[in-house]
Amino acid sequence: MSKMNSNTIEKALISKDTYPQYFPLGDQVVIVQYEKKVSIELSQNLLSFAELIKDADIQGVTQIIPTFCSIAIRYNPLKLSYDEILSELQKLNVNIKTEKETITKTDKIVHIPVFYGEEYGPDLEYVSEKTGLTTSELIRLHSSNLYYIYMLGVIGSFPYCGDLDKKLSLKRRSSPRIKIEKGSIVIANEQTIIVSLESPSGWHIIGRTPFDTFKPEQNPPSPFVAGDFIKFEPISKEVMENWDENMQSEWTKRWNS
């Protein structure tokens, strides 16, 4: 098992104004920490570094997990010491800084069908009241934007998306629901999420998609990738309630091929 000596500690204690920073998390994970803010430019640079780490195929690295402003890298301490992985990461960071194009850009947009309101979006009227927008204006604003996927996480590859129009920004509910349905479209603060699996949530439910966004038996299990975009497409209640595998397949071919 790897040990952290004084040299390792010195390497980890980088100036607070220098990014990325590197920190151990236990004896099997190193955190690559970027500035603690949410921005598309930061996310794209972070994802570029994550992709560079993946392409480097460092022996002993078992998992690379990008988040809003950091990357968690899991490694096997029997094959790779903390000092060794830190050295490899710092070399890669120097390399990416010398590249002319360090930002990963994508044109991929995943279109998601949504029925807004009624029993499928029980908080639509509440959000309308609190924001001063009509439900029609609310639906138009929510569905007219392209949402950048900052990260996938928590349960069933939830896509954490931003940036929500400030007119729709509300704090989370004071009393979270114990359970909300799979496919629920929720908003809070300046983010929107598709709930991939039934779960508790304190976010506001404004609609639901019949599109199955998480199939664990498939590889990959989700159509979403951090760095892509999501566009919500309003559908009728009839389409919502008659959705089946054929419609899922047709939608994918038409919108997301």
Protein backbone atom coordinates (compact mmCIF):
# COMPACT_ATOMS: atom_id res chain seq x y z
CA MET A 1 0.00 0.00 0.00
CA SER A 2 1.37 3.45 -0.87
CA LYS A 3 2.59 5.87 1.78
CA MET A 4 2.63 9.66 1.64
CA ASN A 5 5.98 11.13 2.66
CA SER A 6 6.96 14.77 3.27
CA ASN A 7 7.80 15.18 -0.42
CA THR A 8 4.28 14.05 -1.32
CA ILE A 9 2.73 16.51 1.12
CA GLU A 10 4.81 19.35 -0.31
CA LYS A 11 3.61 18.49 -3.80
CA ALA A 12 -0.02 18.52 -2.66
CA LEU A 13 0.25 21.89 -0.95
CA ILE A 14 0.12 24.08 -4.06
CA SER A 15 -0.69 27.79 -3.96
CA LYS A 16 -4.40 28.45 -3.60
CA ASP A 17 -4.20 30.59 -6.74
CA THR A 18 -2.74 27.80 -8.87
CA TYR A 19 -5.04 25.35 -10.64
CA PRO A 20 -5.45 22.51 -10.92
CA GLN A 21 -4.51 21.40 -7.42
CA TYR A 22 -3.95 17.78 -6.39
CA PHE A 23 -5.13 16.16 -3.17
CA PRO A 24 -5.24 12.57 -1.88
CA LEU A 25 -8.63 11.15 -0.91
CA GLY A 26 -7.76 8.08 1.13
CA ASP A 27 -5.13 5.75 -0.33
CA GLN A 28 -6.84 4.97 -3.65
CA VAL A 29 -8.10 8.28 -5.03
CA VAL A 30 -6.46 11.52 -6.08
CA ILE A 31 -8.56 14.66 -6.57
CA VAL A 32 -7.65 17.10 -9.33
CA GLN A 33 -9.26 20.29 -8.07
CA TYR A 34 -10.05 23.25 -10.32
CA GLU A 35 -11.37 26.63 -9.26
CA LYS A 36 -14.59 26.18 -7.30
CA LYS A 37 -17.07 27.71 -9.69
CA VAL A 38 -19.52 26.51 -12.31
CA SER A 39 -18.78 27.58 -15.86
CA ILE A 40 -18.86 25.94 -19.27
CA GLU A 41 -15.31 27.04 -20.11
CA LEU A 42 -13.93 25.55 -16.89
CA SER A 43 -15.92 22.36 -17.46
CA GLN A 44 -14.68 21.96 -21.01
CA ASN A 45 -11.06 22.38 -19.96
CA LEU A 46 -11.59 19.93 -17.10
CA LEU A 47 -13.13 17.40 -19.47
CA SER A 48 -10.21 17.85 -21.86
CA PHE A 49 -7.84 16.93 -19.05
CA ALA A 50 -10.00 13.94 -18.08
CA GLU A 51 -9.89 12.74 -21.70
CA LEU A 52 -6.11 13.20 -21.79
CA ILE A 53 -5.77 11.09 -18.64
CA LYS A 54 -7.94 8.41 -20.21
CA ASP A 55 -5.90 8.40 -23.43
CA ALA A 56 -2.65 8.16 -21.44
CA ASP A 57 -3.80 4.75 -20.16
CA ILE A 58 -1.76 5.03 -16.95
CA GLN A 59 -1.17 1.57 -15.52
CA GLY A 60 -3.04 1.22 -12.23
CA VAL A 61 -5.71 3.87 -12.92
CA THR A 62 -9.11 2.19 -12.68
CA GLN A 63 -11.65 5.01 -12.89
CA ILE A 64 -11.84 8.68 -13.93
CA ILE A 65 -14.81 10.68 -12.61
CA PRO A 66 -15.26 14.32 -13.73
CA THR A 67 -17.52 16.62 -11.70
CA PHE A 68 -18.41 20.34 -11.85
CA CYS A 69 -14.96 21.57 -10.88
CA SER A 70 -12.83 18.52 -10.08
CA ILE A 71 -11.77 15.09 -11.33
CA ALA A 72 -11.60 12.06 -9.05
CA ILE A 73 -9.09 9.46 -10.22
CA ARG A 74 -9.23 6.02 -8.62
CA TYR A 75 -6.07 3.92 -8.77
CA ASN A 76 -4.73 0.62 -7.48
CA PRO A 77 -2.15 1.45 -4.76
CA LEU A 78 -0.51 -1.96 -5.25
CA LYS A 79 0.42 -0.94 -8.80
CA LEU A 80 0.87 2.80 -8.47
CA SER A 81 1.98 4.97 -5.55
CA TYR A 82 0.49 8.39 -4.86
CA ASP A 83 3.79 10.04 -5.77
CA GLU A 84 3.85 8.20 -9.09
CA ILE A 85 0.30 9.07 -10.12
CA LEU A 86 0.81 12.67 -9.02
CA SER A 87 3.91 12.90 -11.21
CA GLU A 88 2.05 11.43 -14.21
CA LEU A 89 -0.87 13.86 -13.79
CA GLN A 90 1.38 16.88 -13.49
CA LYS A 91 3.23 15.87 -16.68
CA LEU A 92 -0.08 15.54 -18.51
CA ASN A 93 -1.19 18.94 -17.24
CA VAL A 94 1.97 20.53 -18.65
CA ASN A 95 1.29 18.81 -21.98
CA ILE A 96 -2.29 20.03 -22.20
CA LYS A 97 -1.21 23.59 -21.47
CA THR A 98 1.11 23.49 -24.47
CA GLU A 99 -1.65 22.37 -26.82
CA LYS A 100 -3.20 25.06 -29.02
CA GLU A 101 -6.70 23.65 -28.51
CA THR A 102 -7.24 22.64 -24.89
CA ILE A 103 -11.01 22.97 -24.82
CA THR A 104 -13.18 20.00 -25.75
CA LYS A 105 -16.06 21.21 -27.89
CA THR A 106 -19.07 19.23 -29.00
CA ASP A 107 -22.02 19.83 -31.27
CA LYS A 108 -23.97 16.89 -29.86
CA ILE A 109 -27.48 17.75 -28.69
CA VAL A 110 -29.68 15.11 -27.08
CA HIS A 111 -33.35 15.97 -27.65
CA ILE A 112 -35.68 14.89 -24.85
CA PRO A 113 -39.52 14.80 -25.18
CA VAL A 114 -41.37 16.36 -22.23
CA PHE A 115 -44.97 16.76 -21.18
CA TYR A 116 -45.23 19.74 -18.83
CA GLY A 117 -47.66 20.15 -15.95
CA GLU A 118 -50.74 18.34 -14.62
CA GLU A 119 -49.98 15.13 -12.71
CA TYR A 120 -46.65 14.82 -14.53
CA GLY A 121 -45.45 18.26 -13.43
CA PRO A 122 -47.18 18.97 -10.12
CA ASP A 123 -45.01 22.01 -9.32
CA LEU A 124 -45.58 23.84 -12.60
CA GLU A 125 -48.33 26.05 -11.18
CA TYR A 126 -46.27 26.76 -8.04
CA VAL A 127 -43.23 27.76 -10.10
CA SER A 128 -45.49 29.90 -12.28
CA GLU A 129 -46.86 31.69 -9.21
CA LYS A 130 -43.44 32.25 -7.63
CA THR A 131 -41.76 33.48 -10.81
CA GLY A 132 -44.67 35.60 -12.05
CA LEU A 133 -44.62 33.78 -15.38
CA THR A 134 -47.59 32.13 -17.00
CA THR A 135 -47.30 28.38 -17.40
CA SER A 136 -47.02 28.89 -21.17
CA GLU A 137 -44.14 31.34 -20.71
CA LEU A 138 -42.48 28.97 -18.26
CA ILE A 139 -42.70 26.05 -20.68
CA ARG A 140 -41.44 28.20 -23.53
CA LEU A 141 -38.44 29.43 -21.52
CA HIS A 142 -37.52 25.99 -20.23
CA SER A 143 -37.82 24.29 -23.62
CA SER A 144 -36.16 26.99 -25.72
CA ASN A 145 -32.74 26.75 -24.10
CA LEU A 146 -29.82 24.41 -24.76
CA TYR A 147 -28.59 22.93 -21.49
CA TYR A 148 -24.94 22.05 -21.07
CA ILE A 149 -24.32 18.76 -19.22
CA TYR A 150 -21.76 19.53 -16.53
CA MET A 151 -21.63 16.06 -15.03
CA LEU A 152 -23.45 12.76 -14.55
CA GLY A 153 -23.95 11.54 -11.06
CA VAL A 154 -25.66 10.50 -7.84
CA ILE A 155 -28.18 7.95 -9.15
CA GLY A 156 -28.64 6.43 -12.59
CA SER A 157 -26.50 8.89 -14.54
CA PHE A 158 -28.51 12.00 -13.58
CA PRO A 159 -27.45 14.70 -16.07
CA TYR A 160 -26.75 17.87 -14.11
CA CYS A 161 -27.52 20.64 -16.58
CA GLY A 162 -27.17 24.40 -16.68
CA ASP A 163 -27.69 27.13 -17.12
CA LEU A 164 -31.35 27.69 -16.33
CA ASP A 165 -32.85 31.05 -17.27
CA LYS A 166 -32.63 33.25 -14.16
CA LYS A 167 -36.37 33.94 -14.46
CA LEU A 168 -36.96 30.27 -13.56
CA SER A 169 -34.49 30.15 -10.70
CA LEU A 170 -36.00 29.03 -7.37
CA LYS A 171 -34.48 27.58 -4.23
CA ARG A 172 -35.15 23.92 -3.48
CA ARG A 173 -38.30 22.90 -1.66
CA SER A 174 -38.14 23.28 2.13
CA SER A 175 -39.62 19.78 2.46
CA PRO A 176 -38.15 17.26 -0.01
CA ARG A 177 -40.39 14.57 -1.41
CA ILE A 178 -39.59 11.03 -0.34
CA LYS A 179 -40.13 9.77 -3.88
CA ILE A 180 -40.47 11.27 -7.34
CA GLU A 181 -41.04 9.32 -10.52
CA LYS A 182 -38.42 8.25 -13.00
CA GLY A 183 -38.34 10.67 -15.93
CA SER A 184 -39.35 13.71 -13.88
CA ILE A 185 -37.96 17.01 -15.13
CA VAL A 186 -36.95 19.10 -12.14
CA ILE A 187 -35.46 22.53 -11.53
CA ALA A 188 -33.72 24.27 -8.62
CA ASN A 189 -31.52 27.35 -8.42
CA GLU A 190 -29.99 27.63 -11.91
CA GLN A 191 -30.03 23.96 -12.84
CA THR A 192 -32.35 21.40 -14.36
CA ILE A 193 -32.14 17.61 -14.11
CA ILE A 194 -33.78 14.55 -15.63
CA VAL A 195 -34.46 12.07 -12.84
CA SER A 196 -33.19 8.78 -14.28
CA LEU A 197 -34.48 6.54 -11.47
CA GLU A 198 -37.23 6.87 -8.88
CA SER A 199 -35.66 8.70 -5.94
CA PRO A 200 -36.17 11.35 -3.23
CA SER A 201 -35.77 14.98 -4.26
CA GLY A 202 -36.26 18.52 -3.06
CA TRP A 203 -36.30 19.95 -6.57
CA HIS A 204 -39.43 21.36 -8.26
CA ILE A 205 -41.14 18.97 -10.69
CA ILE A 206 -42.35 20.76 -13.81
CA GLY A 207 -42.81 17.85 -16.22
CA ARG A 208 -41.87 14.32 -17.16
CA THR A 209 -40.28 12.57 -20.09
CA PRO A 210 -41.42 9.14 -21.29
CA PHE A 211 -37.99 8.71 -22.88
CA ASP A 212 -36.00 6.07 -20.98
CA THR A 213 -32.68 7.75 -20.19
CA PHE A 214 -31.15 4.97 -18.11
CA LYS A 215 -30.85 1.33 -19.15
CA PRO A 216 -28.26 -0.39 -16.94
CA GLU A 217 -28.23 -3.49 -19.15
CA GLN A 218 -26.87 -1.43 -22.06
CA ASN A 219 -23.35 -0.10 -22.61
CA PRO A 220 -23.31 2.82 -22.21
CA PRO A 221 -26.41 2.85 -19.97
CA SER A 222 -27.22 6.49 -20.69
CA PRO A 223 -27.38 8.62 -23.86
CA PHE A 224 -25.78 11.49 -21.94
CA VAL A 225 -22.11 12.45 -21.80
CA ALA A 226 -20.67 15.35 -19.83
CA GLY A 227 -19.91 18.13 -22.29
CA ASP A 228 -22.93 17.44 -24.50
CA PHE A 229 -26.15 19.47 -24.54
CA ILE A 230 -29.80 18.66 -23.83
CA LYS A 231 -32.77 20.26 -25.57
CA PHE A 232 -36.27 19.66 -24.19
CA GLU A 233 -39.06 19.23 -26.75
CA PRO A 234 -42.68 19.71 -25.53
CA ILE A 235 -45.07 16.85 -26.42
CA SER A 236 -48.77 16.26 -25.93
CA LYS A 237 -50.30 14.28 -23.11
CA GLU A 238 -51.49 11.74 -25.66
CA VAL A 239 -47.94 11.10 -26.83
CA MET A 240 -46.79 10.95 -23.21
CA GLU A 241 -49.32 8.31 -22.23
CA ASN A 242 -48.97 6.18 -25.36
CA TRP A 243 -45.18 6.07 -25.40
CA ASP A 244 -43.66 2.67 -26.08
CA GLU A 245 -40.41 1.10 -27.29
CA ASN A 246 -41.31 1.76 -30.94
CA MET A 247 -41.80 5.46 -30.22
CA GLN A 248 -38.55 5.50 -28.24
CA SER A 249 -36.75 3.99 -31.23
CA GLU A 250 -38.39 6.38 -33.71
CA TRP A 251 -37.57 9.39 -31.55
CA THR A 252 -33.94 8.31 -31.28
CA LYS A 253 -33.64 7.86 -35.05
CA ARG A 254 -35.28 11.20 -35.78
CA TRP A 255 -33.65 13.37 -33.14
CA ASN A 256 -30.62 11.69 -31.64
CA SER A 257 -28.95 9.62 -34.35
